[in-house]
């Protein structure tokens, strides 16, 4: 197939694009950064420089391609609308990237027994997210799923916390890299409260394998969670501390001089639970992920860099794609 990938210079999109090229597909990749066009070309991707707001560019590339993967920004409603309209009536696949923060349960670092399944976005489901940001993301997910009624073979892959090194221009998951950067900056690993909160997680290579399976096999209008295990923030930060030889972990302190976390992000993301099950990926698509332990990976392969704003304060995951914890 000829596949158009948005966010092709990002963490998820770049790795998916690299896997597509390796599998023999032709890939056109959208990047907003002209400086990254060369890096895309070097991995066999034909670069197109543009923004998600460039509706004519998105429309042209989507119609030229046999399939579209939107891995740039889970929350960009305009881009999702443009891609759905461009593909209407074509029966082409449109695989949209979401993130499991839509089901985040804020507990300030305590565990929650609530585990979500994929029926939450089925027609007639009474479930609704509990935060305006999550509501906006779910609205985009529902728009993509509803494209099945307009002749688009649409699917939403809702990724949990992703770990592993990227195969494209972007190497590191934002969230894990930020945890490591916080530790190195302050000399101590931080977590919210006791860190008993639990996140489902999945290795990036297994994520990319699932995108390829969805392109080939998904039924229209299908929502998938993406996970292969779960772990507490305590266990993850323990692994980081051991690997870096640092003390801790210690509770996050908003008044500490070494704090890099935006307070709202720390409370509502780092202190939350996000537990999901990827039953459809396994049952409908035959997905067989190979990697199971995020703590083993952390022990040997820590990501070196975090994403910060202009003040050096970590602002949290950038969209679905780059974050690795949507």
C-alpha atoms as a PDB file:
ATOM      1  CA  UNK A   1       0.000   0.000   0.000  1.00  0.00           C
ATOM      2  CA  UNK A   2       0.861   3.657  -0.271  1.00  0.00           C
ATOM      3  CA  UNK A   3       0.294   4.996   3.262  1.00  0.00           C
ATOM      4  CA  UNK A   4       0.120   8.648   4.287  1.00  0.00           C
ATOM      5  CA  UNK A   5       1.333   9.099   7.885  1.00  0.00           C
ATOM      6  CA  UNK A   6       0.870  12.335   9.824  1.00  0.00           C
ATOM      7  CA  UNK A   7       3.337  12.956  12.623  1.00  0.00           C
ATOM      8  CA  UNK A   8       5.924  10.920  10.724  1.00  0.00           C
ATOM      9  CA  UNK A   9       8.827  12.643  12.464  1.00  0.00           C
ATOM     10  CA  UNK A  10       7.337  11.928  15.894  1.00  0.00           C
ATOM     11  CA  UNK A  11       7.807   9.102  18.352  1.00  0.00           C
ATOM     12  CA  UNK A  12       4.861   6.911  17.328  1.00  0.00           C
ATOM     13  CA  UNK A  13       4.445   8.094  13.747  1.00  0.00           C
ATOM     14  CA  UNK A  14       8.130   7.763  12.926  1.00  0.00           C
ATOM     15  CA  UNK A  15       8.307   4.232  14.252  1.00  0.00           C
ATOM     16  CA  UNK A  16       5.135   3.197  12.445  1.00  0.00           C
ATOM     17  CA  UNK A  17       6.484   4.741   9.231  1.00  0.00           C
ATOM     18  CA  UNK A  18       9.761   2.832   9.611  1.00  0.00           C
ATOM     19  CA  UNK A  19       7.882  -0.436  10.157  1.00  0.00           C
ATOM     20  CA  UNK A  20       5.744   0.235   7.082  1.00  0.00           C
ATOM     21  CA  UNK A  21       8.812   0.821   4.918  1.00  0.00           C
ATOM     22  CA  UNK A  22      10.422  -2.350   6.239  1.00  0.00           C
ATOM     23  CA  UNK A  23       7.243  -4.270   5.376  1.00  0.00           C
ATOM     24  CA  UNK A  24       7.452  -3.076   1.758  1.00  0.00           C
ATOM     25  CA  UNK A  25       4.874  -0.281   1.785  1.00  0.00           C
ATOM     26  CA  UNK A  26       5.355   3.135   0.202  1.00  0.00           C
ATOM     27  CA  UNK A  27       5.135   5.859   2.840  1.00  0.00           C
ATOM     28  CA  UNK A  28       4.519   9.581   2.583  1.00  0.00           C
ATOM     29  CA  UNK A  29       5.095  11.325   5.895  1.00  0.00           C
ATOM     30  CA  UNK A  30       3.838  14.705   7.084  1.00  0.00           C
ATOM     31  CA  UNK A  31       6.169  16.734   9.291  1.00  0.00           C
ATOM     32  CA  UNK A  32       5.754  20.299  10.478  1.00  0.00           C
ATOM     33  CA  UNK A  33       9.525  20.751  10.781  1.00  0.00           C
ATOM     34  CA  UNK A  34      11.406  21.217   7.489  1.00  0.00           C
ATOM     35  CA  UNK A  35      14.634  20.305   9.272  1.00  0.00           C
ATOM     36  CA  UNK A  36      13.317  16.766   9.809  1.00  0.00           C
ATOM     37  CA  UNK A  37      12.491  16.115   6.159  1.00  0.00           C
ATOM     38  CA  UNK A  38      15.976  14.762   5.525  1.00  0.00           C
ATOM     39  CA  UNK A  39      15.726  12.372   8.460  1.00  0.00           C
ATOM     40  CA  UNK A  40      12.488  10.980   7.035  1.00  0.00           C
ATOM     41  CA  UNK A  41      14.027  10.538   3.611  1.00  0.00           C
ATOM     42  CA  UNK A  42      16.904   8.600   5.134  1.00  0.00           C
ATOM     43  CA  UNK A  43      14.508   5.971   6.518  1.00  0.00           C
ATOM     44  CA  UNK A  44      12.735   5.652   3.188  1.00  0.00           C
ATOM     45  CA  UNK A  45       9.797   8.005   3.799  1.00  0.00           C
ATOM     46  CA  UNK A  46       8.840  10.667   1.250  1.00  0.00           C
ATOM     47  CA  UNK A  47       8.545  13.829   3.359  1.00  0.00           C
ATOM     48  CA  UNK A  48       5.805  16.431   3.027  1.00  0.00           C
ATOM     49  CA  UNK A  49       6.210  19.584   5.108  1.00  0.00           C
ATOM     50  CA  UNK A  50       2.961  20.974   6.454  1.00  0.00           C
ATOM     51  CA  UNK A  51       0.735  21.563   9.451  1.00  0.00           C
ATOM     52  CA  UNK A  52      -2.394  19.778  10.590  1.00  0.00           C
ATOM     53  CA  UNK A  53      -4.253  23.007   9.867  1.00  0.00           C
ATOM     54  CA  UNK A  54      -3.244  22.762   6.172  1.00  0.00           C
ATOM     55  CA  UNK A  55      -6.483  21.201   4.960  1.00  0.00           C
ATOM     56  CA  UNK A  56      -5.539  21.271   1.238  1.00  0.00           C
ATOM     57  CA  UNK A  57      -2.283  19.424   1.978  1.00  0.00           C
ATOM     58  CA  UNK A  58      -3.990  16.787   4.126  1.00  0.00           C
ATOM     59  CA  UNK A  59      -6.756  16.322   1.577  1.00  0.00           C
ATOM     60  CA  UNK A  60      -4.392  15.927  -1.367  1.00  0.00           C
ATOM     61  CA  UNK A  61      -2.104  13.447   0.371  1.00  0.00           C
ATOM     62  CA  UNK A  62      -4.978  11.415   1.834  1.00  0.00           C
ATOM     63  CA  UNK A  63      -6.646  11.055  -1.554  1.00  0.00           C
ATOM     64  CA  UNK A  64      -3.376  10.061  -3.230  1.00  0.00           C
ATOM     65  CA  UNK A  65      -2.716   7.329  -0.678  1.00  0.00           C
ATOM     66  CA  UNK A  66      -4.303   3.916  -0.214  1.00  0.00           C
ATOM     67  CA  UNK A  67      -4.531   4.401   3.542  1.00  0.00           C
ATOM     68  CA  UNK A  68      -3.965   7.073   6.196  1.00  0.00           C
ATOM     69  CA  UNK A  69      -2.474   6.861   9.694  1.00  0.00           C
ATOM     70  CA  UNK A  70      -3.026   9.938  11.839  1.00  0.00           C
ATOM     71  CA  UNK A  71      -0.286   9.869  14.468  1.00  0.00           C
ATOM     72  CA  UNK A  72       0.381  13.578  14.895  1.00  0.00           C
ATOM     73  CA  UNK A  73      -2.069  14.849  17.514  1.00  0.00           C
ATOM     74  CA  UNK A  74      -4.935  13.001  19.181  1.00  0.00           C
ATOM     75  CA  UNK A  75      -6.734  16.226  19.979  1.00  0.00           C
ATOM     76  CA  UNK A  76      -6.707  18.045  16.630  1.00  0.00           C
ATOM     77  CA  UNK A  77     -10.384  17.991  15.660  1.00  0.00           C
ATOM     78  CA  UNK A  78      -9.847  19.949  12.443  1.00  0.00           C
ATOM     79  CA  UNK A  79      -7.320  17.467  11.071  1.00  0.00           C
ATOM     80  CA  UNK A  80      -9.586  14.536  11.871  1.00  0.00           C
ATOM     81  CA  UNK A  81     -12.485  16.217  10.101  1.00  0.00           C
ATOM     82  CA  UNK A  82     -10.344  16.978   7.065  1.00  0.00           C
ATOM     83  CA  UNK A  83      -9.097  13.391   6.774  1.00  0.00           C
ATOM     84  CA  UNK A  84     -12.579  11.906   7.191  1.00  0.00           C
ATOM     85  CA  UNK A  85     -13.979  14.212   4.524  1.00  0.00           C
ATOM     86  CA  UNK A  86     -11.097  13.472   2.159  1.00  0.00           C
ATOM     87  CA  UNK A  87     -11.608   9.708   2.467  1.00  0.00           C
ATOM     88  CA  UNK A  88     -15.434   9.640   2.529  1.00  0.00           C
ATOM     89  CA  UNK A  89     -16.805   7.001   0.184  1.00  0.00           C
ATOM     90  CA  UNK A  90     -13.393   5.500  -0.571  1.00  0.00           C
ATOM     91  CA  UNK A  91     -13.427   2.488   1.786  1.00  0.00           C
ATOM     92  CA  UNK A  92      -9.793   3.345   2.548  1.00  0.00           C
ATOM     93  CA  UNK A  93      -8.398   2.711   6.041  1.00  0.00           C
ATOM     94  CA  UNK A  94      -8.052   5.668   8.414  1.00  0.00           C
ATOM     95  CA  UNK A  95      -6.197   4.688  11.567  1.00  0.00           C
ATOM     96  CA  UNK A  96      -6.369   7.393  14.229  1.00  0.00           C
ATOM     97  CA  UNK A  97      -4.122   7.586  17.308  1.00  0.00           C
ATOM     98  CA  UNK A  98      -5.658   8.223  20.719  1.00  0.00           C
ATOM     99  CA  UNK A  99      -4.398   7.764  24.261  1.00  0.00           C
ATOM    100  CA  UNK A 100      -5.609   5.965  27.352  1.00  0.00           C
ATOM    101  CA  UNK A 101      -5.572   9.108  29.469  1.00  0.00           C
ATOM    102  CA  UNK A 102      -9.219   9.350  28.340  1.00  0.00           C
ATOM    103  CA  UNK A 103      -9.992   6.875  31.123  1.00  0.00           C
ATOM    104  CA  UNK A 104      -7.622   8.382  33.673  1.00  0.00           C
ATOM    105  CA  UNK A 105      -8.820   8.093  37.260  1.00  0.00           C
ATOM    106  CA  UNK A 106      -7.212  10.695  39.503  1.00  0.00           C
ATOM    107  CA  UNK A 107      -6.277   9.260  42.883  1.00  0.00           C
ATOM    108  CA  UNK A 108      -3.197  11.330  43.853  1.00  0.00           C
ATOM    109  CA  UNK A 109      -0.934   8.310  43.712  1.00  0.00           C
ATOM    110  CA  UNK A 110      -3.228   5.645  45.149  1.00  0.00           C
ATOM    111  CA  UNK A 111      -4.307   2.516  43.267  1.00  0.00           C
ATOM    112  CA  UNK A 112      -7.699   2.124  41.647  1.00  0.00           C
ATOM    113  CA  UNK A 113      -9.353  -1.202  40.906  1.00  0.00           C
ATOM    114  CA  UNK A 114     -11.207   0.209  37.882  1.00  0.00           C
ATOM    115  CA  UNK A 115     -10.224  -1.395  34.573  1.00  0.00           C
ATOM    116  CA  UNK A 116     -11.789  -0.192  31.313  1.00  0.00           C
ATOM    117  CA  UNK A 117     -12.689  -2.280  28.292  1.00  0.00           C
ATOM    118  CA  UNK A 118     -13.331  -1.259  24.705  1.00  0.00           C
ATOM    119  CA  UNK A 119     -17.107  -1.185  25.034  1.00  0.00           C
ATOM    120  CA  UNK A 120     -16.874   2.297  26.547  1.00  0.00           C
ATOM    121  CA  UNK A 121     -17.038   3.802  23.048  1.00  0.00           C
ATOM    122  CA  UNK A 122     -19.632   1.428  21.654  1.00  0.00           C
ATOM    123  CA  UNK A 123     -22.953   2.873  20.537  1.00  0.00           C
ATOM    124  CA  UNK A 124     -25.314   3.125  23.471  1.00  0.00           C
ATOM    125  CA  UNK A 125     -22.556   3.177  26.067  1.00  0.00           C
ATOM    126  CA  UNK A 126     -23.304   5.522  28.932  1.00  0.00           C
ATOM    127  CA  UNK A 127     -19.649   6.131  29.714  1.00  0.00           C
ATOM    128  CA  UNK A 128     -18.292   9.665  29.525  1.00  0.00           C
ATOM    129  CA  UNK A 129     -14.858  11.091  30.452  1.00  0.00           C
ATOM    130  CA  UNK A 130     -14.585  13.195  33.586  1.00  0.00           C
ATOM    131  CA  UNK A 131     -12.444  16.112  32.393  1.00  0.00           C
ATOM    132  CA  UNK A 132     -12.879  18.680  29.589  1.00  0.00           C
ATOM    133  CA  UNK A 133      -9.549  17.736  27.970  1.00  0.00           C
ATOM    134  CA  UNK A 134     -10.570  14.087  27.932  1.00  0.00           C
ATOM    135  CA  UNK A 135     -14.007  14.998  26.610  1.00  0.00           C
ATOM    136  CA  UNK A 136     -12.412  16.815  23.685  1.00  0.00           C
ATOM    137  CA  UNK A 137     -10.221  13.823  22.844  1.00  0.00           C
ATOM    138  CA  UNK A 138     -13.125  11.406  22.997  1.00  0.00           C
ATOM    139  CA  UNK A 139     -15.092  13.687  20.663  1.00  0.00           C
ATOM    140  CA  UNK A 140     -12.321  13.263  18.083  1.00  0.00           C
ATOM    141  CA  UNK A 141     -12.316   9.498  18.626  1.00  0.00           C
ATOM    142  CA  UNK A 142     -16.077   9.335  18.095  1.00  0.00           C
ATOM    143  CA  UNK A 143     -15.822  11.438  14.939  1.00  0.00           C
ATOM    144  CA  UNK A 144     -13.307   8.990  13.464  1.00  0.00           C
ATOM    145  CA  UNK A 145     -15.335   5.945  14.466  1.00  0.00           C
ATOM    146  CA  UNK A 146     -18.490   7.456  12.949  1.00  0.00           C
ATOM    147  CA  UNK A 147     -16.631   7.837   9.632  1.00  0.00           C
ATOM    148  CA  UNK A 148     -17.476   4.169   9.061  1.00  0.00           C
ATOM    149  CA  UNK A 149     -20.978   5.380   8.172  1.00  0.00           C
ATOM    150  CA  UNK A 150     -19.438   7.585   5.455  1.00  0.00           C
ATOM    151  CA  UNK A 151     -17.561   4.837   3.668  1.00  0.00           C
ATOM    152  CA  UNK A 152     -14.258   5.037   5.551  1.00  0.00           C
ATOM    153  CA  UNK A 153     -12.637   1.941   7.074  1.00  0.00           C
ATOM    154  CA  UNK A 154     -11.843   3.844  10.241  1.00  0.00           C
ATOM    155  CA  UNK A 155     -10.328   2.657  13.489  1.00  0.00           C
ATOM    156  CA  UNK A 156      -9.004   4.246  16.666  1.00  0.00           C
ATOM    157  CA  UNK A 157      -5.930   2.821  18.398  1.00  0.00           C
ATOM    158  CA  UNK A 158      -5.952   4.091  21.978  1.00  0.00           C
ATOM    159  CA  UNK A 159      -2.430   3.586  23.261  1.00  0.00           C
ATOM    160  CA  UNK A 160      -1.495   3.148  26.886  1.00  0.00           C
ATOM    161  CA  UNK A 161       1.894   4.254  28.293  1.00  0.00           C
ATOM    162  CA  UNK A 162       4.448   3.461  25.585  1.00  0.00           C
ATOM    163  CA  UNK A 163       8.065   2.578  26.256  1.00  0.00           C
ATOM    164  CA  UNK A 164      10.933   1.652  23.936  1.00  0.00           C
ATOM    165  CA  UNK A 165      13.156   3.658  21.628  1.00  0.00           C
ATOM    166  CA  UNK A 166      11.724   5.158  18.459  1.00  0.00           C
ATOM    167  CA  UNK A 167      12.756   3.807  15.043  1.00  0.00           C
ATOM    168  CA  UNK A 168      12.289   7.139  13.280  1.00  0.00           C
ATOM    169  CA  UNK A 169      13.635  10.658  13.887  1.00  0.00           C
ATOM    170  CA  UNK A 170      12.240  10.817  17.457  1.00  0.00           C
ATOM    171  CA  UNK A 171      13.923   8.397  19.856  1.00  0.00           C
ATOM    172  CA  UNK A 172      12.263   8.941  23.227  1.00  0.00           C
ATOM    173  CA  UNK A 173       8.864   8.686  24.820  1.00  0.00           C
ATOM    174  CA  UNK A 174       8.124  12.078  26.336  1.00  0.00           C
ATOM    175  CA  UNK A 175       6.772  10.879  29.669  1.00  0.00           C
ATOM    176  CA  UNK A 176       9.503   8.392  30.509  1.00  0.00           C
ATOM    177  CA  UNK A 177      12.197  10.780  29.345  1.00  0.00           C
ATOM    178  CA  UNK A 178      10.673  13.489  31.528  1.00  0.00           C
ATOM    179  CA  UNK A 179      10.688  11.224  34.588  1.00  0.00           C
ATOM    180  CA  UNK A 180      14.366  10.533  33.988  1.00  0.00           C
ATOM    181  CA  UNK A 181      15.149  14.199  33.398  1.00  0.00           C
ATOM    182  CA  UNK A 182      13.414  15.147  36.656  1.00  0.00           C
ATOM    183  CA  UNK A 183      15.523  12.583  38.476  1.00  0.00           C
ATOM    184  CA  UNK A 184      18.786  13.714  36.951  1.00  0.00           C
ATOM    185  CA  UNK A 185      18.005  17.390  37.475  1.00  0.00           C
ATOM    186  CA  UNK A 186      17.063  17.087  41.130  1.00  0.00           C
ATOM    187  CA  UNK A 187      19.260  14.137  42.068  1.00  0.00           C
ATOM    188  CA  UNK A 188      16.249  12.201  43.326  1.00  0.00           C
ATOM    189  CA  UNK A 189      13.424  10.319  41.623  1.00  0.00           C
ATOM    190  CA  UNK A 190       9.941  11.781  42.181  1.00  0.00           C
ATOM    191  CA  UNK A 191       6.460  10.303  42.140  1.00  0.00           C
ATOM    192  CA  UNK A 192       3.055  11.512  43.276  1.00  0.00           C
ATOM    193  CA  UNK A 193       2.194  10.315  46.757  1.00  0.00           C
ATOM    194  CA  UNK A 194       3.029   6.667  47.321  1.00  0.00           C
ATOM    195  CA  UNK A 195       3.071   5.944  43.593  1.00  0.00           C
ATOM    196  CA  UNK A 196       0.616   3.066  43.925  1.00  0.00           C
ATOM    197  CA  UNK A 197      -1.343   4.287  40.893  1.00  0.00           C
ATOM    198  CA  UNK A 198      -1.231   1.873  37.958  1.00  0.00           C
ATOM    199  CA  UNK A 199      -0.824   2.405  34.222  1.00  0.00           C
ATOM    200  CA  UNK A 200      -1.250  -0.109  31.462  1.00  0.00           C
ATOM    201  CA  UNK A 201       1.748  -0.036  29.143  1.00  0.00           C
ATOM    202  CA  UNK A 202       3.074  -1.386  25.847  1.00  0.00           C
ATOM    203  CA  UNK A 203       6.346  -1.485  23.919  1.00  0.00           C
ATOM    204  CA  UNK A 204       6.619   0.783  20.888  1.00  0.00           C
ATOM    205  CA  UNK A 205       7.600  -2.002  18.484  1.00  0.00           C
ATOM    206  CA  UNK A 206       4.471  -3.935  19.479  1.00  0.00           C
ATOM    207  CA  UNK A 207       2.424  -0.769  18.919  1.00  0.00           C
ATOM    208  CA  UNK A 208       3.819  -0.421  15.399  1.00  0.00           C
ATOM    209  CA  UNK A 209       3.023  -4.063  14.645  1.00  0.00           C
ATOM    210  CA  UNK A 210      -0.586  -3.406  15.625  1.00  0.00           C
ATOM    211  CA  UNK A 211      -0.879  -0.397  13.313  1.00  0.00           C
ATOM    212  CA  UNK A 212       0.132  -2.597  10.385  1.00  0.00           C
ATOM    213  CA  UNK A 213      -2.387  -5.258  11.372  1.00  0.00           C
ATOM    214  CA  UNK A 214      -5.143  -2.658  11.675  1.00  0.00           C
ATOM    215  CA  UNK A 215      -4.377  -1.343   8.189  1.00  0.00           C
ATOM    216  CA  UNK A 216      -4.860  -4.804   6.766  1.00  0.00           C
ATOM    217  CA  UNK A 217      -7.633  -6.285   8.880  1.00  0.00           C
ATOM    218  CA  UNK A 218      -9.715  -3.824  10.863  1.00  0.00           C
ATOM    219  CA  UNK A 219     -13.444  -3.698  10.435  1.00  0.00           C
ATOM    220  CA  UNK A 220     -14.836  -0.169   9.965  1.00  0.00           C
ATOM    221  CA  UNK A 221     -15.597   1.833  13.089  1.00  0.00           C
ATOM    222  CA  UNK A 222     -13.587  -0.231  15.590  1.00  0.00           C
ATOM    223  CA  UNK A 223     -12.042   1.105  18.786  1.00  0.00           C
ATOM    224  CA  UNK A 224      -8.983  -0.661  20.210  1.00  0.00           C
ATOM    225  CA  UNK A 225      -7.095  -0.251  23.438  1.00  0.00           C
ATOM    226  CA  UNK A 226      -3.371  -0.984  23.099  1.00  0.00           C
ATOM    227  CA  UNK A 227      -1.619  -2.567  26.109  1.00  0.00           C
ATOM    228  CA  UNK A 228       0.442  -5.561  27.133  1.00  0.00           C
ATOM    229  CA  UNK A 229       0.622  -5.442  30.896  1.00  0.00           C
ATOM    230  CA  UNK A 230       0.502  -2.818  33.622  1.00  0.00           C
ATOM    231  CA  UNK A 231       2.728  -1.446  36.337  1.00  0.00           C
ATOM    232  CA  UNK A 232       2.583   0.979  39.246  1.00  0.00           C
ATOM    233  CA  UNK A 233       4.381   4.299  39.159  1.00  0.00           C
ATOM    234  CA  UNK A 234       6.186   3.130  42.299  1.00  0.00           C
ATOM    235  CA  UNK A 235       7.702   0.154  40.484  1.00  0.00           C
ATOM    236  CA  UNK A 236       8.683   2.297  37.502  1.00  0.00           C
ATOM    237  CA  UNK A 237      10.299   5.006  39.607  1.00  0.00           C
ATOM    238  CA  UNK A 238      12.035   2.356  41.731  1.00  0.00           C
ATOM    239  CA  UNK A 239      13.528   0.973  38.503  1.00  0.00           C
ATOM    240  CA  UNK A 240      14.645   4.443  37.408  1.00  0.00           C
ATOM    241  CA  UNK A 241      16.257   5.156  40.774  1.00  0.00           C
ATOM    242  CA  UNK A 242      18.115   1.835  40.761  1.00  0.00           C
ATOM    243  CA  UNK A 243      19.322   2.264  37.188  1.00  0.00           C
ATOM    244  CA  UNK A 244      20.567   5.815  37.796  1.00  0.00           C
ATOM    245  CA  UNK A 245      21.995   5.105  41.235  1.00  0.00           C
ATOM    246  CA  UNK A 246      19.854   7.832  42.797  1.00  0.00           C
ATOM    247  CA  UNK A 247      18.020   7.998  46.128  1.00  0.00           C
ATOM    248  CA  UNK A 248      14.295   7.870  46.383  1.00  0.00           C
ATOM    249  CA  UNK A 249      11.785   7.761  45.035  1.00  0.00           C
ATOM    250  CA  UNK A 250      10.277  10.572  47.075  1.00  0.00           C
ATOM    251  CA  UNK A 251       6.854  12.230  46.868  1.00  0.00           C
ATOM    252  CA  UNK A 252       6.554  15.069  44.371  1.00  0.00           C
ATOM    253  CA  UNK A 253       6.697  18.469  46.059  1.00  0.00           C
ATOM    254  CA  UNK A 254       5.304  21.431  44.084  1.00  0.00           C
ATOM    255  CA  UNK A 255       7.381  23.843  46.185  1.00  0.00           C
ATOM    256  CA  UNK A 256      10.677  22.004  45.778  1.00  0.00           C
ATOM    257  CA  UNK A 257      13.367  23.947  43.856  1.00  0.00           C
ATOM    258  CA  UNK A 258      13.997  20.878  41.687  1.00  0.00           C
ATOM    259  CA  UNK A 259      10.354  20.554  40.609  1.00  0.00           C
ATOM    260  CA  UNK A 260       9.933  20.421  36.826  1.00  0.00           C
ATOM    261  CA  UNK A 261       6.335  19.266  36.741  1.00  0.00           C
ATOM    262  CA  UNK A 262       3.431  21.538  35.974  1.00  0.00           C
ATOM    263  CA  UNK A 263       1.174  21.150  39.051  1.00  0.00           C
ATOM    264  CA  UNK A 264      -1.944  20.177  37.135  1.00  0.00           C
ATOM    265  CA  UNK A 265      -0.032  17.612  35.091  1.00  0.00           C
ATOM    266  CA  UNK A 266       1.510  16.096  38.197  1.00  0.00           C
ATOM    267  CA  UNK A 267      -1.800  15.761  40.012  1.00  0.00           C
ATOM    268  CA  UNK A 268      -4.006  14.655  37.122  1.00  0.00           C
ATOM    269  CA  UNK A 269      -1.550  12.574  35.083  1.00  0.00           C
ATOM    270  CA  UNK A 270       1.343  11.368  37.226  1.00  0.00           C
ATOM    271  CA  UNK A 271      -1.004  10.696  40.115  1.00  0.00           C
ATOM    272  CA  UNK A 272      -3.675   8.922  38.061  1.00  0.00           C
ATOM    273  CA  UNK A 273      -4.588   5.345  37.200  1.00  0.00           C
ATOM    274  CA  UNK A 274      -5.093   4.341  33.569  1.00  0.00           C
ATOM    275  CA  UNK A 275      -5.929   0.636  33.350  1.00  0.00           C
ATOM    276  CA  UNK A 276      -7.261  -0.877  30.122  1.00  0.00           C
ATOM    277  CA  UNK A 277      -7.468  -4.202  28.269  1.00  0.00           C
ATOM    278  CA  UNK A 278      -6.641  -4.782  24.591  1.00  0.00           C
ATOM    279  CA  UNK A 279      -9.038  -7.656  23.944  1.00  0.00           C
ATOM    280  CA  UNK A 280     -10.029  -6.643  20.418  1.00  0.00           C
ATOM    281  CA  UNK A 281      -6.475  -6.290  19.127  1.00  0.00           C
ATOM    282  CA  UNK A 282      -5.737  -9.837  20.188  1.00  0.00           C
ATOM    283  CA  UNK A 283      -9.071 -11.378  19.305  1.00  0.00           C
ATOM    284  CA  UNK A 284      -9.976  -9.568  16.072  1.00  0.00           C
ATOM    285  CA  UNK A 285      -6.564  -8.770  14.602  1.00  0.00           C
ATOM    286  CA  UNK A 286      -4.420 -11.597  15.958  1.00  0.00           C
ATOM    287  CA  UNK A 287      -1.991  -9.189  17.622  1.00  0.00           C
ATOM    288  CA  UNK A 288       0.707 -11.000  19.615  1.00  0.00           C
ATOM    289  CA  UNK A 289       2.910  -8.473  21.448  1.00  0.00           C
ATOM    290  CA  UNK A 290       6.388  -9.693  22.365  1.00  0.00           C
ATOM    291  CA  UNK A 291       7.522  -7.303  25.137  1.00  0.00           C
ATOM    292  CA  UNK A 292       6.104  -7.542  28.641  1.00  0.00           C
ATOM    293  CA  UNK A 293       8.201  -5.689  31.225  1.00  0.00           C
ATOM    294  CA  UNK A 294       8.571  -1.929  31.340  1.00  0.00           C
ATOM    295  CA  UNK A 295      10.706  -2.182  34.477  1.00  0.00           C
ATOM    296  CA  UNK A 296      13.187  -4.517  32.771  1.00  0.00           C
ATOM    297  CA  UNK A 297      13.407  -2.057  29.893  1.00  0.00           C
ATOM    298  CA  UNK A 298      13.932   0.876  32.250  1.00  0.00           C
ATOM    299  CA  UNK A 299      16.766  -0.967  33.941  1.00  0.00           C
ATOM    300  CA  UNK A 300      18.786  -1.101  30.736  1.00  0.00           C
ATOM    301  CA  UNK A 301      17.535   1.577  28.346  1.00  0.00           C
ATOM    302  CA  UNK A 302      16.691   4.858  30.059  1.00  0.00           C
ATOM    303  CA  UNK A 303      15.573   7.688  27.763  1.00  0.00           C
ATOM    304  CA  UNK A 304      17.881  10.713  28.047  1.00  0.00           C
ATOM    305  CA  UNK A 305      15.785  13.787  27.247  1.00  0.00           C
ATOM    306  CA  UNK A 306      12.507  15.423  28.234  1.00  0.00           C
ATOM    307  CA  UNK A 307      10.234  17.900  26.528  1.00  0.00           C
ATOM    308  CA  UNK A 308      10.045  21.231  28.338  1.00  0.00           C
ATOM    309  CA  UNK A 309       8.459  24.569  27.774  1.00  0.00           C
ATOM    310  CA  UNK A 310      10.418  27.791  27.514  1.00  0.00           C
ATOM    311  CA  UNK A 311      10.995  27.979  31.278  1.00  0.00           C
ATOM    312  CA  UNK A 312      12.364  24.455  31.523  1.00  0.00           C
ATOM    313  CA  UNK A 313       9.207  23.222  33.228  1.00  0.00           C
ATOM    314  CA  UNK A 314       7.894  19.896  31.964  1.00  0.00           C
ATOM    315  CA  UNK A 315       4.448  20.461  30.524  1.00  0.00           C
ATOM    316  CA  UNK A 316       3.551  16.808  30.014  1.00  0.00           C
ATOM    317  CA  UNK A 317       2.769  14.686  26.984  1.00  0.00           C
ATOM    318  CA  UNK A 318       2.451  16.458  23.630  1.00  0.00           C
ATOM    319  CA  UNK A 319      -0.652  15.077  22.061  1.00  0.00           C
ATOM    320  CA  UNK A 320      -1.188  11.376  21.669  1.00  0.00           C
ATOM    321  CA  UNK A 321       1.500  10.560  19.417  1.00  0.00           C
ATOM    322  CA  UNK A 322       4.617  12.017  20.907  1.00  0.00           C
ATOM    323  CA  UNK A 323       3.723  11.288  24.448  1.00  0.00           C
ATOM    324  CA  UNK A 324       3.684   7.580  24.753  1.00  0.00           C
ATOM    325  CA  UNK A 325       1.117   8.027  27.486  1.00  0.00           C
ATOM    326  CA  UNK A 326      -1.794   9.516  25.672  1.00  0.00           C
END
